[in-house]
């Protein structure tokens, strides 16, 4: 599994020396090069450090690197708790994190609490970019913009926390535009990346390669759709993917996934609603495959709220069907655009 975020210690890891003993500590050039390289690949960065928070943040700003680090956890608590908090705030699985520290004790403490986290000795930090889990197959426009996309999410959350009124009123202020369109060849790298990266909101857990997605895109018996979202704070990028197998009498949703970053925006059912309406208009039955995992229960709930019921179990796959008895409207706070 590709690492989504690298969590860095500071003293004798990001910089040479201990900040509270030497206020003139300097960045390790090889580490800075690694951070920049991984950032360009769409891998995020954060901090877990035993330090005075304000002093460390001031030093990061002085060194010109503060903007690289999302949700830094700087204080005197356990590193394992800091790592878990970073995963929670980024809304990603803890098994997609790597932790870099010069102290064996700290690495062992994190590894004991979270054995799924990749722990790396700071002495090896310069070569971290060569690790297989640090090398996604494709680097897309969304990858290169990922840190800024998360920064925009922080702005949205801050605005929401300061909002006086209902959640629906805040969502209306965002002026969201949700676009559904057939996948183009230039969308396929991001589409593959979505299937590989998205675990919590993937209805089947299936992953598809670029070549497989391209075959579905050009197949008369399939429809491959991508979804994009934007609002007053900017674009979220490509955040949804659906693959439908189209038979003469039955259409089957083979893959439905949404980016974890849009969970709180009430968009999970929008792409599914589109498929329901389209199948109903075509006069075919609509089914969907669902493979339960320890993370994707939200997608099962989305199917159930959209009127799907379980038809059968087949080799660990739940086959669901929609009877079109209740086709939901799209959220009133969102403009949905469908392109041919």
C-alpha atoms as a PDB file:
ATOM      1  CA  UNK A   1       0.000   0.000   0.000  1.00  0.00           C
ATOM      2  CA  UNK A   2       1.345   3.431  -0.964  1.00  0.00           C
ATOM      3  CA  UNK A   3       2.194   5.722   1.936  1.00  0.00           C
ATOM      4  CA  UNK A   4      -0.103   8.757   2.053  1.00  0.00           C
ATOM      5  CA  UNK A   5       1.659  10.755   4.762  1.00  0.00           C
ATOM      6  CA  UNK A   6       5.155  10.801   6.280  1.00  0.00           C
ATOM      7  CA  UNK A   7       5.299  11.932   9.917  1.00  0.00           C
ATOM      8  CA  UNK A   8       8.638  13.474  10.871  1.00  0.00           C
ATOM      9  CA  UNK A   9      10.393  13.939  14.171  1.00  0.00           C
ATOM     10  CA  UNK A  10      12.283  17.262  14.382  1.00  0.00           C
ATOM     11  CA  UNK A  11      15.392  17.088  16.600  1.00  0.00           C
ATOM     12  CA  UNK A  12      18.239  15.183  14.930  1.00  0.00           C
ATOM     13  CA  UNK A  13      15.797  14.096  12.212  1.00  0.00           C
ATOM     14  CA  UNK A  14      14.429  17.037  10.227  1.00  0.00           C
ATOM     15  CA  UNK A  15      17.230  19.241  11.459  1.00  0.00           C
ATOM     16  CA  UNK A  16      20.666  18.638  12.982  1.00  0.00           C
ATOM     17  CA  UNK A  17      20.726  19.177  16.732  1.00  0.00           C
ATOM     18  CA  UNK A  18      18.187  19.752  19.503  1.00  0.00           C
ATOM     19  CA  UNK A  19      16.189  22.968  19.186  1.00  0.00           C
ATOM     20  CA  UNK A  20      15.858  23.714  22.900  1.00  0.00           C
ATOM     21  CA  UNK A  21      19.634  23.375  23.278  1.00  0.00           C
ATOM     22  CA  UNK A  22      20.593  25.205  20.093  1.00  0.00           C
ATOM     23  CA  UNK A  23      18.264  27.765  18.608  1.00  0.00           C
ATOM     24  CA  UNK A  24      20.367  27.890  15.432  1.00  0.00           C
ATOM     25  CA  UNK A  25      19.638  24.338  14.262  1.00  0.00           C
ATOM     26  CA  UNK A  26      19.647  23.858  10.498  1.00  0.00           C
ATOM     27  CA  UNK A  27      17.730  21.601   8.155  1.00  0.00           C
ATOM     28  CA  UNK A  28      19.350  18.422   6.920  1.00  0.00           C
ATOM     29  CA  UNK A  29      19.601  19.127   3.153  1.00  0.00           C
ATOM     30  CA  UNK A  30      18.985  15.508   2.130  1.00  0.00           C
ATOM     31  CA  UNK A  31      15.857  15.375   4.258  1.00  0.00           C
ATOM     32  CA  UNK A  32      14.552  18.588   2.714  1.00  0.00           C
ATOM     33  CA  UNK A  33      15.165  17.127  -0.751  1.00  0.00           C
ATOM     34  CA  UNK A  34      13.220  14.004   0.235  1.00  0.00           C
ATOM     35  CA  UNK A  35      10.306  16.072   1.548  1.00  0.00           C
ATOM     36  CA  UNK A  36      10.122  18.098  -1.657  1.00  0.00           C
ATOM     37  CA  UNK A  37      10.309  14.996  -3.841  1.00  0.00           C
ATOM     38  CA  UNK A  38       7.563  13.187  -1.925  1.00  0.00           C
ATOM     39  CA  UNK A  39       5.412  16.322  -1.893  1.00  0.00           C
ATOM     40  CA  UNK A  40       5.579  16.433  -5.690  1.00  0.00           C
ATOM     41  CA  UNK A  41       4.408  12.810  -5.757  1.00  0.00           C
ATOM     42  CA  UNK A  42       1.337  13.706  -3.700  1.00  0.00           C
ATOM     43  CA  UNK A  43       2.588  12.261  -0.414  1.00  0.00           C
ATOM     44  CA  UNK A  44       1.711  14.481   2.532  1.00  0.00           C
ATOM     45  CA  UNK A  45       3.898  15.408   5.513  1.00  0.00           C
ATOM     46  CA  UNK A  46       3.306  16.063   9.193  1.00  0.00           C
ATOM     47  CA  UNK A  47       5.280  16.308  12.424  1.00  0.00           C
ATOM     48  CA  UNK A  48       5.334  14.360  15.689  1.00  0.00           C
ATOM     49  CA  UNK A  49       7.890  15.935  17.988  1.00  0.00           C
ATOM     50  CA  UNK A  50       8.667  16.299  21.688  1.00  0.00           C
ATOM     51  CA  UNK A  51       9.235  20.033  21.765  1.00  0.00           C
ATOM     52  CA  UNK A  52       7.772  23.333  22.812  1.00  0.00           C
ATOM     53  CA  UNK A  53       5.035  23.871  20.249  1.00  0.00           C
ATOM     54  CA  UNK A  54       5.407  27.618  19.651  1.00  0.00           C
ATOM     55  CA  UNK A  55       9.214  27.489  19.526  1.00  0.00           C
ATOM     56  CA  UNK A  56       9.223  24.591  17.054  1.00  0.00           C
ATOM     57  CA  UNK A  57       6.568  26.127  14.811  1.00  0.00           C
ATOM     58  CA  UNK A  58       8.465  29.418  14.770  1.00  0.00           C
ATOM     59  CA  UNK A  59      11.622  27.574  13.724  1.00  0.00           C
ATOM     60  CA  UNK A  60       9.796  25.695  10.949  1.00  0.00           C
ATOM     61  CA  UNK A  61       8.459  29.025   9.678  1.00  0.00           C
ATOM     62  CA  UNK A  62      11.906  30.639   9.925  1.00  0.00           C
ATOM     63  CA  UNK A  63      13.380  27.765   7.894  1.00  0.00           C
ATOM     64  CA  UNK A  64      10.673  28.202   5.259  1.00  0.00           C
ATOM     65  CA  UNK A  65       9.195  24.713   5.537  1.00  0.00           C
ATOM     66  CA  UNK A  66       6.187  25.114   7.846  1.00  0.00           C
ATOM     67  CA  UNK A  67       3.750  24.958   4.937  1.00  0.00           C
ATOM     68  CA  UNK A  68       4.790  21.396   4.093  1.00  0.00           C
ATOM     69  CA  UNK A  69       3.434  20.001   7.376  1.00  0.00           C
ATOM     70  CA  UNK A  70      -0.261  19.355   7.924  1.00  0.00           C
ATOM     71  CA  UNK A  71      -1.673  19.091  11.448  1.00  0.00           C
ATOM     72  CA  UNK A  72       1.721  19.019  13.220  1.00  0.00           C
ATOM     73  CA  UNK A  73       1.616  17.401  16.667  1.00  0.00           C
ATOM     74  CA  UNK A  74       4.250  19.092  18.814  1.00  0.00           C
ATOM     75  CA  UNK A  75       4.226  18.667  22.584  1.00  0.00           C
ATOM     76  CA  UNK A  76       5.251  16.256  25.298  1.00  0.00           C
ATOM     77  CA  UNK A  77       2.880  13.343  24.772  1.00  0.00           C
ATOM     78  CA  UNK A  78       3.509   9.938  23.252  1.00  0.00           C
ATOM     79  CA  UNK A  79       4.507   9.803  19.604  1.00  0.00           C
ATOM     80  CA  UNK A  80       2.037   6.960  19.031  1.00  0.00           C
ATOM     81  CA  UNK A  81      -0.808   9.244  20.119  1.00  0.00           C
ATOM     82  CA  UNK A  82       0.483  12.011  17.862  1.00  0.00           C
ATOM     83  CA  UNK A  83       0.617   9.665  14.872  1.00  0.00           C
ATOM     84  CA  UNK A  84      -2.937   8.460  15.520  1.00  0.00           C
ATOM     85  CA  UNK A  85      -4.176  12.059  15.796  1.00  0.00           C
ATOM     86  CA  UNK A  86      -2.578  12.964  12.463  1.00  0.00           C
ATOM     87  CA  UNK A  87      -4.300  10.019  10.769  1.00  0.00           C
ATOM     88  CA  UNK A  88      -7.607  11.073  12.329  1.00  0.00           C
ATOM     89  CA  UNK A  89      -7.308  14.689  11.229  1.00  0.00           C
ATOM     90  CA  UNK A  90      -6.295  13.748   7.699  1.00  0.00           C
ATOM     91  CA  UNK A  91      -9.053  11.109   7.655  1.00  0.00           C
ATOM     92  CA  UNK A  92      -6.754   8.407   6.297  1.00  0.00           C
ATOM     93  CA  UNK A  93      -5.965   4.905   7.493  1.00  0.00           C
ATOM     94  CA  UNK A  94      -3.137   4.690   9.977  1.00  0.00           C
ATOM     95  CA  UNK A  95      -1.634   1.933   7.831  1.00  0.00           C
ATOM     96  CA  UNK A  96      -0.925   4.564   5.166  1.00  0.00           C
ATOM     97  CA  UNK A  97       1.460   6.494   7.449  1.00  0.00           C
ATOM     98  CA  UNK A  98       5.236   6.342   7.771  1.00  0.00           C
ATOM     99  CA  UNK A  99       7.072   7.622  10.844  1.00  0.00           C
ATOM    100  CA  UNK A 100      10.668   8.891  10.767  1.00  0.00           C
ATOM    101  CA  UNK A 101      12.638   9.332  13.999  1.00  0.00           C
ATOM    102  CA  UNK A 102      16.273   9.100  15.081  1.00  0.00           C
ATOM    103  CA  UNK A 103      15.426   7.454  18.418  1.00  0.00           C
ATOM    104  CA  UNK A 104      14.922   3.642  18.457  1.00  0.00           C
ATOM    105  CA  UNK A 105      12.716   4.010  21.549  1.00  0.00           C
ATOM    106  CA  UNK A 106      10.319   6.348  19.754  1.00  0.00           C
ATOM    107  CA  UNK A 107      10.130   4.119  16.678  1.00  0.00           C
ATOM    108  CA  UNK A 108       9.523   1.080  18.871  1.00  0.00           C
ATOM    109  CA  UNK A 109       6.801   2.885  20.837  1.00  0.00           C
ATOM    110  CA  UNK A 110       4.959   3.788  17.637  1.00  0.00           C
ATOM    111  CA  UNK A 111       5.492   0.329  16.140  1.00  0.00           C
ATOM    112  CA  UNK A 112       4.154  -1.356  19.266  1.00  0.00           C
ATOM    113  CA  UNK A 113       0.989   0.788  19.323  1.00  0.00           C
ATOM    114  CA  UNK A 114       0.538   0.806  15.540  1.00  0.00           C
ATOM    115  CA  UNK A 115       2.314  -2.155  13.906  1.00  0.00           C
ATOM    116  CA  UNK A 116       0.851  -1.165  10.541  1.00  0.00           C
ATOM    117  CA  UNK A 117       2.824   2.130  10.482  1.00  0.00           C
ATOM    118  CA  UNK A 118       6.049   2.045   8.470  1.00  0.00           C
ATOM    119  CA  UNK A 119       8.822   3.162  10.886  1.00  0.00           C
ATOM    120  CA  UNK A 120      12.027   4.532   9.393  1.00  0.00           C
ATOM    121  CA  UNK A 121      15.342   5.372  11.067  1.00  0.00           C
ATOM    122  CA  UNK A 122      16.249   9.024  10.485  1.00  0.00           C
ATOM    123  CA  UNK A 123      19.660   7.819   9.326  1.00  0.00           C
ATOM    124  CA  UNK A 124      17.875   6.325   6.302  1.00  0.00           C
ATOM    125  CA  UNK A 125      15.728   9.402   5.620  1.00  0.00           C
ATOM    126  CA  UNK A 126      17.763  10.550   2.638  1.00  0.00           C
ATOM    127  CA  UNK A 127      16.856   7.381   0.734  1.00  0.00           C
ATOM    128  CA  UNK A 128      13.218   7.214   1.818  1.00  0.00           C
ATOM    129  CA  UNK A 129      12.118   8.299  -1.649  1.00  0.00           C
ATOM    130  CA  UNK A 130      13.445   5.027  -3.067  1.00  0.00           C
ATOM    131  CA  UNK A 131      11.159   2.818  -0.981  1.00  0.00           C
ATOM    132  CA  UNK A 132       8.486   1.062  -3.085  1.00  0.00           C
ATOM    133  CA  UNK A 133       5.698   2.387  -0.859  1.00  0.00           C
ATOM    134  CA  UNK A 134       6.876   5.935  -1.558  1.00  0.00           C
ATOM    135  CA  UNK A 135       6.562   5.538  -5.313  1.00  0.00           C
ATOM    136  CA  UNK A 136       3.003   5.718  -6.646  1.00  0.00           C
ATOM    137  CA  UNK A 137       2.674   4.364 -10.157  1.00  0.00           C
ATOM    138  CA  UNK A 138       1.389   7.688 -11.503  1.00  0.00           C
ATOM    139  CA  UNK A 139       1.868  11.281 -10.420  1.00  0.00           C
ATOM    140  CA  UNK A 140      -1.204  13.197 -11.524  1.00  0.00           C
ATOM    141  CA  UNK A 141      -2.237  16.837 -11.391  1.00  0.00           C
ATOM    142  CA  UNK A 142      -4.317  15.956  -8.328  1.00  0.00           C
ATOM    143  CA  UNK A 143      -1.241  14.351  -6.767  1.00  0.00           C
ATOM    144  CA  UNK A 144       0.896  17.429  -7.236  1.00  0.00           C
ATOM    145  CA  UNK A 145      -1.856  19.632  -5.796  1.00  0.00           C
ATOM    146  CA  UNK A 146      -2.736  17.326  -2.878  1.00  0.00           C
ATOM    147  CA  UNK A 147      -1.151  19.411  -0.134  1.00  0.00           C
ATOM    148  CA  UNK A 148      -2.975  22.514  -1.323  1.00  0.00           C
ATOM    149  CA  UNK A 149      -6.223  20.540  -1.516  1.00  0.00           C
ATOM    150  CA  UNK A 150      -5.798  19.591   2.133  1.00  0.00           C
ATOM    151  CA  UNK A 151      -4.943  23.185   3.026  1.00  0.00           C
ATOM    152  CA  UNK A 152      -8.205  24.276   1.415  1.00  0.00           C
ATOM    153  CA  UNK A 153      -9.979  21.616   3.476  1.00  0.00           C
ATOM    154  CA  UNK A 154      -8.501  23.177   6.615  1.00  0.00           C
ATOM    155  CA  UNK A 155      -9.932  26.540   5.568  1.00  0.00           C
ATOM    156  CA  UNK A 156     -13.351  24.957   5.069  1.00  0.00           C
ATOM    157  CA  UNK A 157     -13.235  23.328   8.495  1.00  0.00           C
ATOM    158  CA  UNK A 158     -12.232  26.568  10.171  1.00  0.00           C
ATOM    159  CA  UNK A 159     -15.043  28.388   8.392  1.00  0.00           C
ATOM    160  CA  UNK A 160     -17.502  25.693   9.436  1.00  0.00           C
ATOM    161  CA  UNK A 161     -16.398  25.851  13.069  1.00  0.00           C
ATOM    162  CA  UNK A 162     -16.967  29.606  13.045  1.00  0.00           C
ATOM    163  CA  UNK A 163     -20.338  29.345  11.295  1.00  0.00           C
ATOM    164  CA  UNK A 164     -23.404  30.404  13.245  1.00  0.00           C
ATOM    165  CA  UNK A 165     -26.317  28.369  11.931  1.00  0.00           C
ATOM    166  CA  UNK A 166     -27.214  24.913  10.679  1.00  0.00           C
ATOM    167  CA  UNK A 167     -24.941  22.538   8.800  1.00  0.00           C
ATOM    168  CA  UNK A 168     -27.181  22.825   5.737  1.00  0.00           C
ATOM    169  CA  UNK A 169     -26.831  26.622   5.793  1.00  0.00           C
ATOM    170  CA  UNK A 170     -23.054  26.320   5.865  1.00  0.00           C
ATOM    171  CA  UNK A 171     -23.056  23.818   3.001  1.00  0.00           C
ATOM    172  CA  UNK A 172     -25.219  26.206   0.995  1.00  0.00           C
ATOM    173  CA  UNK A 173     -22.594  28.920   1.548  1.00  0.00           C
ATOM    174  CA  UNK A 174     -20.009  26.688  -0.093  1.00  0.00           C
ATOM    175  CA  UNK A 175     -21.878  26.853  -3.443  1.00  0.00           C
ATOM    176  CA  UNK A 176     -20.741  23.345  -4.358  1.00  0.00           C
ATOM    177  CA  UNK A 177     -20.734  22.149  -7.963  1.00  0.00           C
ATOM    178  CA  UNK A 178     -20.631  18.392  -8.516  1.00  0.00           C
ATOM    179  CA  UNK A 179     -19.787  17.313 -12.071  1.00  0.00           C
ATOM    180  CA  UNK A 180     -20.339  13.797 -13.465  1.00  0.00           C
ATOM    181  CA  UNK A 181     -18.771  12.895 -16.806  1.00  0.00           C
ATOM    182  CA  UNK A 182     -17.587   9.884 -18.803  1.00  0.00           C
ATOM    183  CA  UNK A 183     -13.944   9.150 -18.052  1.00  0.00           C
ATOM    184  CA  UNK A 184     -11.515  10.426 -20.656  1.00  0.00           C
ATOM    185  CA  UNK A 185      -8.137   8.935 -21.374  1.00  0.00           C
ATOM    186  CA  UNK A 186      -6.489  11.757 -19.425  1.00  0.00           C
ATOM    187  CA  UNK A 187      -8.612  10.845 -16.365  1.00  0.00           C
ATOM    188  CA  UNK A 188      -7.363   7.273 -16.135  1.00  0.00           C
ATOM    189  CA  UNK A 189      -4.188   7.854 -14.140  1.00  0.00           C
ATOM    190  CA  UNK A 190      -6.184   9.632 -11.433  1.00  0.00           C
ATOM    191  CA  UNK A 191      -8.883   6.950 -11.669  1.00  0.00           C
ATOM    192  CA  UNK A 192      -6.334   4.207 -11.001  1.00  0.00           C
ATOM    193  CA  UNK A 193      -4.885   6.271  -8.169  1.00  0.00           C
ATOM    194  CA  UNK A 194      -8.350   6.557  -6.613  1.00  0.00           C
ATOM    195  CA  UNK A 195      -8.924   2.804  -6.655  1.00  0.00           C
ATOM    196  CA  UNK A 196      -5.521   2.205  -5.062  1.00  0.00           C
ATOM    197  CA  UNK A 197      -5.690   4.984  -2.438  1.00  0.00           C
ATOM    198  CA  UNK A 198      -9.359   4.878  -1.396  1.00  0.00           C
ATOM    199  CA  UNK A 199     -10.209   2.270   1.216  1.00  0.00           C
ATOM    200  CA  UNK A 200     -12.915   3.711   3.451  1.00  0.00           C
ATOM    201  CA  UNK A 201     -15.329   4.658   0.668  1.00  0.00           C
ATOM    202  CA  UNK A 202     -14.750   1.868  -1.836  1.00  0.00           C
ATOM    203  CA  UNK A 203     -17.869  -0.317  -2.061  1.00  0.00           C
ATOM    204  CA  UNK A 204     -16.016  -3.419  -3.235  1.00  0.00           C
ATOM    205  CA  UNK A 205     -12.356  -2.853  -2.433  1.00  0.00           C
ATOM    206  CA  UNK A 206     -11.565  -3.717  -6.056  1.00  0.00           C
ATOM    207  CA  UNK A 207      -8.540  -2.019  -7.590  1.00  0.00           C
ATOM    208  CA  UNK A 208      -8.063  -1.607 -11.316  1.00  0.00           C
ATOM    209  CA  UNK A 209      -4.997  -0.825 -13.379  1.00  0.00           C
ATOM    210  CA  UNK A 210      -4.750   1.909 -15.963  1.00  0.00           C
ATOM    211  CA  UNK A 211      -5.000  -0.680 -18.718  1.00  0.00           C
ATOM    212  CA  UNK A 212      -8.120  -2.296 -17.222  1.00  0.00           C
ATOM    213  CA  UNK A 213      -9.826   1.067 -16.771  1.00  0.00           C
ATOM    214  CA  UNK A 214      -8.978   2.045 -20.347  1.00  0.00           C
ATOM    215  CA  UNK A 215     -10.563  -1.186 -21.595  1.00  0.00           C
ATOM    216  CA  UNK A 216     -13.732  -0.430 -19.605  1.00  0.00           C
ATOM    217  CA  UNK A 217     -13.738   3.155 -20.901  1.00  0.00           C
ATOM    218  CA  UNK A 218     -13.856   1.987 -24.509  1.00  0.00           C
ATOM    219  CA  UNK A 219     -16.118  -1.035 -23.937  1.00  0.00           C
ATOM    220  CA  UNK A 220     -19.675  -0.966 -25.297  1.00  0.00           C
ATOM    221  CA  UNK A 221     -20.755  -3.091 -22.345  1.00  0.00           C
ATOM    222  CA  UNK A 222     -19.454  -0.770 -19.637  1.00  0.00           C
ATOM    223  CA  UNK A 223     -19.685   2.819 -18.495  1.00  0.00           C
ATOM    224  CA  UNK A 224     -16.882   4.461 -16.544  1.00  0.00           C
ATOM    225  CA  UNK A 225     -17.754   7.749 -14.860  1.00  0.00           C
ATOM    226  CA  UNK A 226     -15.667  10.245 -12.912  1.00  0.00           C
ATOM    227  CA  UNK A 227     -16.927  12.913 -10.527  1.00  0.00           C
ATOM    228  CA  UNK A 228     -15.359  16.244  -9.634  1.00  0.00           C
ATOM    229  CA  UNK A 229     -16.264  18.729  -6.922  1.00  0.00           C
ATOM    230  CA  UNK A 230     -15.525  22.393  -6.447  1.00  0.00           C
ATOM    231  CA  UNK A 231     -16.744  25.173  -4.164  1.00  0.00           C
ATOM    232  CA  UNK A 232     -15.931  28.733  -3.174  1.00  0.00           C
ATOM    233  CA  UNK A 233     -12.581  27.596  -1.734  1.00  0.00           C
ATOM    234  CA  UNK A 234     -11.521  25.917  -4.974  1.00  0.00           C
ATOM    235  CA  UNK A 235     -11.523  22.455  -6.489  1.00  0.00           C
ATOM    236  CA  UNK A 236     -11.366  19.141  -4.670  1.00  0.00           C
ATOM    237  CA  UNK A 237     -10.107  17.442  -7.827  1.00  0.00           C
ATOM    238  CA  UNK A 238     -11.477  14.134  -9.075  1.00  0.00           C
ATOM    239  CA  UNK A 239     -13.204  12.650  -6.037  1.00  0.00           C
ATOM    240  CA  UNK A 240     -15.451   9.878  -7.366  1.00  0.00           C
ATOM    241  CA  UNK A 241     -15.453   6.914  -9.716  1.00  0.00           C
ATOM    242  CA  UNK A 242     -18.159   4.515 -10.869  1.00  0.00           C
ATOM    243  CA  UNK A 243     -17.937   1.490 -13.126  1.00  0.00           C
ATOM    244  CA  UNK A 244     -21.177   0.042 -14.478  1.00  0.00           C
ATOM    245  CA  UNK A 245     -21.524  -3.191 -16.395  1.00  0.00           C
ATOM    246  CA  UNK A 246     -24.429  -2.716 -18.796  1.00  0.00           C
ATOM    247  CA  UNK A 247     -26.428  -5.777 -19.772  1.00  0.00           C
ATOM    248  CA  UNK A 248     -29.593  -5.805 -21.842  1.00  0.00           C
ATOM    249  CA  UNK A 249     -31.888  -6.178 -18.832  1.00  0.00           C
ATOM    250  CA  UNK A 250     -29.611  -5.500 -15.856  1.00  0.00           C
ATOM    251  CA  UNK A 251     -26.964  -2.913 -15.121  1.00  0.00           C
ATOM    252  CA  UNK A 252     -24.510  -3.749 -12.329  1.00  0.00           C
ATOM    253  CA  UNK A 253     -22.418  -1.228 -10.424  1.00  0.00           C
ATOM    254  CA  UNK A 254     -19.082  -3.042 -10.232  1.00  0.00           C
ATOM    255  CA  UNK A 255     -17.233  -0.218  -8.526  1.00  0.00           C
ATOM    256  CA  UNK A 256     -18.362   2.866  -6.627  1.00  0.00           C
ATOM    257  CA  UNK A 257     -15.937   4.940  -4.621  1.00  0.00           C
ATOM    258  CA  UNK A 258     -15.573   8.433  -3.240  1.00  0.00           C
ATOM    259  CA  UNK A 259     -12.524  10.214  -1.885  1.00  0.00           C
ATOM    260  CA  UNK A 260     -12.354  10.280   1.913  1.00  0.00           C
ATOM    261  CA  UNK A 261     -11.842  14.051   1.777  1.00  0.00           C
ATOM    262  CA  UNK A 262     -15.486  14.660   0.818  1.00  0.00           C
ATOM    263  CA  UNK A 263     -17.138  12.438   3.422  1.00  0.00           C
ATOM    264  CA  UNK A 264     -18.546  15.406   5.337  1.00  0.00           C
ATOM    265  CA  UNK A 265     -19.953  17.161   2.279  1.00  0.00           C
ATOM    266  CA  UNK A 266     -23.017  14.978   1.817  1.00  0.00           C
ATOM    267  CA  UNK A 267     -21.995  13.946  -1.692  1.00  0.00           C
ATOM    268  CA  UNK A 268     -21.814  10.183  -1.239  1.00  0.00           C
ATOM    269  CA  UNK A 269     -25.204   9.508  -2.777  1.00  0.00           C
ATOM    270  CA  UNK A 270     -25.048  12.006  -5.655  1.00  0.00           C
ATOM    271  CA  UNK A 271     -23.197   9.756  -8.100  1.00  0.00           C
ATOM    272  CA  UNK A 272     -25.366   6.811  -7.067  1.00  0.00           C
ATOM    273  CA  UNK A 273     -28.547   8.859  -7.551  1.00  0.00           C
ATOM    274  CA  UNK A 274     -27.409   9.613 -11.091  1.00  0.00           C
ATOM    275  CA  UNK A 275     -26.996   5.897 -11.840  1.00  0.00           C
ATOM    276  CA  UNK A 276     -30.413   5.093 -10.349  1.00  0.00           C
ATOM    277  CA  UNK A 277     -32.168   7.712 -12.484  1.00  0.00           C
ATOM    278  CA  UNK A 278     -30.285   6.661 -15.601  1.00  0.00           C
ATOM    279  CA  UNK A 279     -31.103   2.965 -15.170  1.00  0.00           C
ATOM    280  CA  UNK A 280     -34.736   3.745 -14.429  1.00  0.00           C
ATOM    281  CA  UNK A 281     -35.013   5.846 -17.594  1.00  0.00           C
ATOM    282  CA  UNK A 282     -33.381   3.054 -19.619  1.00  0.00           C
ATOM    283  CA  UNK A 283     -35.919   0.529 -18.345  1.00  0.00           C
ATOM    284  CA  UNK A 284     -33.331  -1.849 -16.864  1.00  0.00           C
ATOM    285  CA  UNK A 285     -32.839  -3.206 -13.364  1.00  0.00           C
ATOM    286  CA  UNK A 286     -29.983  -1.753 -11.360  1.00  0.00           C
ATOM    287  CA  UNK A 287     -27.825  -3.942  -9.167  1.00  0.00           C
ATOM    288  CA  UNK A 288     -24.629  -3.286  -7.280  1.00  0.00           C
ATOM    289  CA  UNK A 289     -21.863  -5.420  -5.862  1.00  0.00           C
ATOM    290  CA  UNK A 290     -20.723  -4.789  -2.318  1.00  0.00           C
ATOM    291  CA  UNK A 291     -17.816  -6.479  -0.552  1.00  0.00           C
ATOM    292  CA  UNK A 292     -17.731  -5.617   3.165  1.00  0.00           C
ATOM    293  CA  UNK A 293     -14.387  -4.638   4.693  1.00  0.00           C
ATOM    294  CA  UNK A 294     -13.480  -3.279   8.109  1.00  0.00           C
ATOM    295  CA  UNK A 295     -13.598   0.267   6.667  1.00  0.00           C
ATOM    296  CA  UNK A 296     -16.312   0.664   4.057  1.00  0.00           C
ATOM    297  CA  UNK A 297     -19.511   0.376   6.081  1.00  0.00           C
ATOM    298  CA  UNK A 298     -20.313   3.989   5.132  1.00  0.00           C
ATOM    299  CA  UNK A 299     -20.747   2.873   1.512  1.00  0.00           C
ATOM    300  CA  UNK A 300     -23.124   0.086   2.553  1.00  0.00           C
ATOM    301  CA  UNK A 301     -25.218   2.645   4.446  1.00  0.00           C
ATOM    302  CA  UNK A 302     -25.191   4.878   1.356  1.00  0.00           C
ATOM    303  CA  UNK A 303     -26.569   2.013  -0.732  1.00  0.00           C
ATOM    304  CA  UNK A 304     -29.259   1.225   1.842  1.00  0.00           C
ATOM    305  CA  UNK A 305     -30.405   4.840   2.126  1.00  0.00           C
ATOM    306  CA  UNK A 306     -30.570   4.980  -1.665  1.00  0.00           C
ATOM    307  CA  UNK A 307     -33.087   2.128  -1.737  1.00  0.00           C
ATOM    308  CA  UNK A 308     -30.881  -0.903  -2.410  1.00  0.00           C
ATOM    309  CA  UNK A 309     -31.719  -4.212  -0.750  1.00  0.00           C
ATOM    310  CA  UNK A 310     -29.706  -7.400  -0.638  1.00  0.00           C
ATOM    311  CA  UNK A 311     -30.654  -9.849  -3.376  1.00  0.00           C
ATOM    312  CA  UNK A 312     -28.104 -12.597  -2.794  1.00  0.00           C
ATOM    313  CA  UNK A 313     -24.655 -13.482  -1.489  1.00  0.00           C
ATOM    314  CA  UNK A 314     -22.196 -14.884  -3.987  1.00  0.00           C
ATOM    315  CA  UNK A 315     -18.613 -15.871  -3.107  1.00  0.00           C
ATOM    316  CA  UNK A 316     -18.369 -13.229  -0.393  1.00  0.00           C
ATOM    317  CA  UNK A 317     -19.975 -10.578  -2.593  1.00  0.00           C
ATOM    318  CA  UNK A 318     -23.333  -9.055  -1.641  1.00  0.00           C
ATOM    319  CA  UNK A 319     -25.483  -8.390  -4.698  1.00  0.00           C
ATOM    320  CA  UNK A 320     -27.836  -5.486  -4.046  1.00  0.00           C
ATOM    321  CA  UNK A 321     -30.767  -4.307  -6.160  1.00  0.00           C
ATOM    322  CA  UNK A 322     -32.723  -1.071  -6.366  1.00  0.00           C
ATOM    323  CA  UNK A 323     -36.455  -1.219  -7.110  1.00  0.00           C
ATOM    324  CA  UNK A 324     -36.712   2.493  -8.017  1.00  0.00           C
ATOM    325  CA  UNK A 325     -39.460   2.973  -5.417  1.00  0.00           C
ATOM    326  CA  UNK A 326     -37.730   6.025  -3.954  1.00  0.00           C
ATOM    327  CA  UNK A 327     -35.372   8.030  -6.119  1.00  0.00           C
ATOM    328  CA  UNK A 328     -33.828  10.730  -3.954  1.00  0.00           C
ATOM    329  CA  UNK A 329     -33.344  14.314  -4.990  1.00  0.00           C
ATOM    330  CA  UNK A 330     -29.835  15.690  -4.969  1.00  0.00           C
ATOM    331  CA  UNK A 331     -28.942  17.883  -1.979  1.00  0.00           C
ATOM    332  CA  UNK A 332     -30.509  21.342  -2.346  1.00  0.00           C
ATOM    333  CA  UNK A 333     -27.248  23.044  -1.429  1.00  0.00           C
ATOM    334  CA  UNK A 334     -25.420  21.580  -4.429  1.00  0.00           C
ATOM    335  CA  UNK A 335     -25.505  22.099  -8.199  1.00  0.00           C
ATOM    336  CA  UNK A 336     -25.116  18.817 -10.068  1.00  0.00           C
ATOM    337  CA  UNK A 337     -23.862  18.947 -13.658  1.00  0.00           C
ATOM    338  CA  UNK A 338     -23.972  15.885 -15.921  1.00  0.00           C
ATOM    339  CA  UNK A 339     -21.812  15.870 -19.058  1.00  0.00           C
ATOM    340  CA  UNK A 340     -22.183  13.491 -21.981  1.00  0.00           C
END
